[in-house]
């Protein structure tokens, strides 16, 4: 007869947190990086659109502006979405605990 010396694991209650899941944060970070890159690509294309001479400074400036603008814009949207997820989770947790507003 084999006797187990380990005690059965009792599930611990989940700690309440306003943080969204790590997967959601990783996806948001990835989206910000991708949109920043696409903004840089668009900025570079706009910088070289009507240029016949050496326009490396102009193209680089437009690339930088496009990348920063795209990254900032998508970061704002990602933060708003993650905050909404946190609030939805908090409301759901309150409803499950019986503390929902009437």
C-alpha atoms as a PDB file:
ATOM      1  CA  UNK A   1       0.000   0.000   0.000  1.00  0.00           C
ATOM      2  CA  UNK A   2       1.362   3.403  -1.019  1.00  0.00           C
ATOM      3  CA  UNK A   3       0.684   6.272   1.341  1.00  0.00           C
ATOM      4  CA  UNK A   4       0.994   9.821   0.106  1.00  0.00           C
ATOM      5  CA  UNK A   5       2.773  12.198   2.459  1.00  0.00           C
ATOM      6  CA  UNK A   6       1.604  15.320   0.676  1.00  0.00           C
ATOM      7  CA  UNK A   7      -1.527  17.012   1.832  1.00  0.00           C
ATOM      8  CA  UNK A   8      -4.233  17.738  -0.716  1.00  0.00           C
ATOM      9  CA  UNK A   9      -3.944  21.218  -2.141  1.00  0.00           C
ATOM     10  CA  UNK A  10      -6.682  23.521  -1.067  1.00  0.00           C
ATOM     11  CA  UNK A  11      -7.468  26.170  -3.688  1.00  0.00           C
ATOM     12  CA  UNK A  12      -6.665  29.610  -2.387  1.00  0.00           C
ATOM     13  CA  UNK A  13      -9.106  32.403  -3.086  1.00  0.00           C
ATOM     14  CA  UNK A  14      -8.001  34.672  -5.894  1.00  0.00           C
ATOM     15  CA  UNK A  15      -6.600  37.996  -4.695  1.00  0.00           C
ATOM     16  CA  UNK A  16      -8.566  40.952  -5.895  1.00  0.00           C
ATOM     17  CA  UNK A  17      -6.582  43.154  -8.220  1.00  0.00           C
ATOM     18  CA  UNK A  18      -7.368  45.889 -10.687  1.00  0.00           C
ATOM     19  CA  UNK A  19      -4.604  44.631 -12.970  1.00  0.00           C
ATOM     20  CA  UNK A  20      -5.729  42.955 -16.170  1.00  0.00           C
ATOM     21  CA  UNK A  21      -4.356  39.496 -16.945  1.00  0.00           C
ATOM     22  CA  UNK A  22      -0.729  39.226 -18.053  1.00  0.00           C
ATOM     23  CA  UNK A  23      -1.771  37.884 -21.455  1.00  0.00           C
ATOM     24  CA  UNK A  24      -3.874  40.995 -22.084  1.00  0.00           C
ATOM     25  CA  UNK A  25      -0.966  43.237 -21.099  1.00  0.00           C
ATOM     26  CA  UNK A  26       1.398  41.317 -23.382  1.00  0.00           C
ATOM     27  CA  UNK A  27      -1.029  41.618 -26.282  1.00  0.00           C
ATOM     28  CA  UNK A  28      -1.421  45.355 -25.647  1.00  0.00           C
ATOM     29  CA  UNK A  29       2.368  45.827 -25.619  1.00  0.00           C
ATOM     30  CA  UNK A  30       2.715  43.874 -28.855  1.00  0.00           C
ATOM     31  CA  UNK A  31       0.008  45.952 -30.516  1.00  0.00           C
ATOM     32  CA  UNK A  32       1.699  49.200 -29.441  1.00  0.00           C
ATOM     33  CA  UNK A  33       5.000  48.033 -30.954  1.00  0.00           C
ATOM     34  CA  UNK A  34       3.354  46.909 -34.204  1.00  0.00           C
ATOM     35  CA  UNK A  35       1.338  50.122 -34.620  1.00  0.00           C
ATOM     36  CA  UNK A  36       4.440  52.183 -33.852  1.00  0.00           C
ATOM     37  CA  UNK A  37       6.278  50.345 -36.621  1.00  0.00           C
ATOM     38  CA  UNK A  38       3.417  50.852 -39.043  1.00  0.00           C
ATOM     39  CA  UNK A  39       3.298  54.545 -38.148  1.00  0.00           C
ATOM     40  CA  UNK A  40       7.003  54.780 -38.855  1.00  0.00           C
ATOM     41  CA  UNK A  41       6.511  53.070 -42.209  1.00  0.00           C
ATOM     42  CA  UNK A  42       3.728  55.480 -43.098  1.00  0.00           C
ATOM     43  CA  UNK A  43       5.816  58.454 -41.993  1.00  0.00           C
ATOM     44  CA  UNK A  44       8.750  57.269 -44.107  1.00  0.00           C
ATOM     45  CA  UNK A  45       6.480  56.840 -47.132  1.00  0.00           C
ATOM     46  CA  UNK A  46       5.090  60.345 -46.674  1.00  0.00           C
ATOM     47  CA  UNK A  47       8.600  61.748 -46.257  1.00  0.00           C
ATOM     48  CA  UNK A  48       9.846  60.244 -49.511  1.00  0.00           C
ATOM     49  CA  UNK A  49       6.660  60.757 -51.533  1.00  0.00           C
ATOM     50  CA  UNK A  50       7.537  63.948 -53.401  1.00  0.00           C
ATOM     51  CA  UNK A  51      11.292  63.901 -53.055  1.00  0.00           C
ATOM     52  CA  UNK A  52      13.746  63.700 -55.939  1.00  0.00           C
ATOM     53  CA  UNK A  53      17.032  64.559 -54.180  1.00  0.00           C
ATOM     54  CA  UNK A  54      18.640  63.105 -51.060  1.00  0.00           C
ATOM     55  CA  UNK A  55      15.850  63.334 -48.506  1.00  0.00           C
ATOM     56  CA  UNK A  56      17.229  61.170 -45.738  1.00  0.00           C
ATOM     57  CA  UNK A  57      16.755  63.843 -43.062  1.00  0.00           C
ATOM     58  CA  UNK A  58      13.200  64.568 -44.153  1.00  0.00           C
ATOM     59  CA  UNK A  59      12.334  60.864 -44.409  1.00  0.00           C
ATOM     60  CA  UNK A  60      13.921  60.117 -41.049  1.00  0.00           C
ATOM     61  CA  UNK A  61      12.051  62.960 -39.392  1.00  0.00           C
ATOM     62  CA  UNK A  62       8.742  61.799 -40.821  1.00  0.00           C
ATOM     63  CA  UNK A  63       9.567  58.224 -39.835  1.00  0.00           C
ATOM     64  CA  UNK A  64      10.233  59.268 -36.243  1.00  0.00           C
ATOM     65  CA  UNK A  65       7.121  61.423 -36.020  1.00  0.00           C
ATOM     66  CA  UNK A  66       4.948  58.675 -37.512  1.00  0.00           C
ATOM     67  CA  UNK A  67       6.356  56.007 -35.216  1.00  0.00           C
ATOM     68  CA  UNK A  68       5.941  58.105 -32.079  1.00  0.00           C
ATOM     69  CA  UNK A  69       2.440  59.254 -33.032  1.00  0.00           C
ATOM     70  CA  UNK A  70       1.324  55.710 -33.835  1.00  0.00           C
ATOM     71  CA  UNK A  71       2.799  54.286 -30.646  1.00  0.00           C
ATOM     72  CA  UNK A  72       1.313  57.002 -28.433  1.00  0.00           C
ATOM     73  CA  UNK A  73      -2.117  56.719 -30.030  1.00  0.00           C
ATOM     74  CA  UNK A  74      -2.255  52.952 -29.731  1.00  0.00           C
ATOM     75  CA  UNK A  75      -0.859  53.102 -26.182  1.00  0.00           C
ATOM     76  CA  UNK A  76      -3.688  55.412 -25.129  1.00  0.00           C
ATOM     77  CA  UNK A  77      -6.252  53.041 -26.615  1.00  0.00           C
ATOM     78  CA  UNK A  78      -4.562  50.022 -25.008  1.00  0.00           C
ATOM     79  CA  UNK A  79      -4.538  51.660 -21.570  1.00  0.00           C
ATOM     80  CA  UNK A  80      -8.225  52.516 -21.874  1.00  0.00           C
ATOM     81  CA  UNK A  81      -9.065  48.967 -22.934  1.00  0.00           C
ATOM     82  CA  UNK A  82      -7.013  47.447 -20.101  1.00  0.00           C
ATOM     83  CA  UNK A  83      -8.621  49.726 -17.531  1.00  0.00           C
ATOM     84  CA  UNK A  84     -12.056  48.750 -18.814  1.00  0.00           C
ATOM     85  CA  UNK A  85     -11.104  45.076 -18.464  1.00  0.00           C
ATOM     86  CA  UNK A  86     -10.013  45.700 -14.888  1.00  0.00           C
ATOM     87  CA  UNK A  87     -13.272  47.447 -14.048  1.00  0.00           C
ATOM     88  CA  UNK A  88     -15.343  44.680 -15.628  1.00  0.00           C
ATOM     89  CA  UNK A  89     -13.460  42.089 -13.593  1.00  0.00           C
ATOM     90  CA  UNK A  90     -13.990  44.107 -10.419  1.00  0.00           C
ATOM     91  CA  UNK A  91     -17.713  44.455 -11.071  1.00  0.00           C
ATOM     92  CA  UNK A  92     -18.003  40.739 -11.800  1.00  0.00           C
ATOM     93  CA  UNK A  93     -16.117  39.894  -8.598  1.00  0.00           C
ATOM     94  CA  UNK A  94     -18.410  42.156  -6.573  1.00  0.00           C
ATOM     95  CA  UNK A  95     -21.483  40.540  -8.098  1.00  0.00           C
ATOM     96  CA  UNK A  96     -20.171  37.088  -7.245  1.00  0.00           C
ATOM     97  CA  UNK A  97     -19.464  38.181  -3.677  1.00  0.00           C
ATOM     98  CA  UNK A  98     -22.943  39.672  -3.328  1.00  0.00           C
ATOM     99  CA  UNK A  99     -21.774  43.278  -3.050  1.00  0.00           C
ATOM    100  CA  UNK A 100     -23.194  44.566  -6.323  1.00  0.00           C
ATOM    101  CA  UNK A 101     -24.920  47.936  -6.276  1.00  0.00           C
ATOM    102  CA  UNK A 102     -28.713  47.873  -6.502  1.00  0.00           C
END
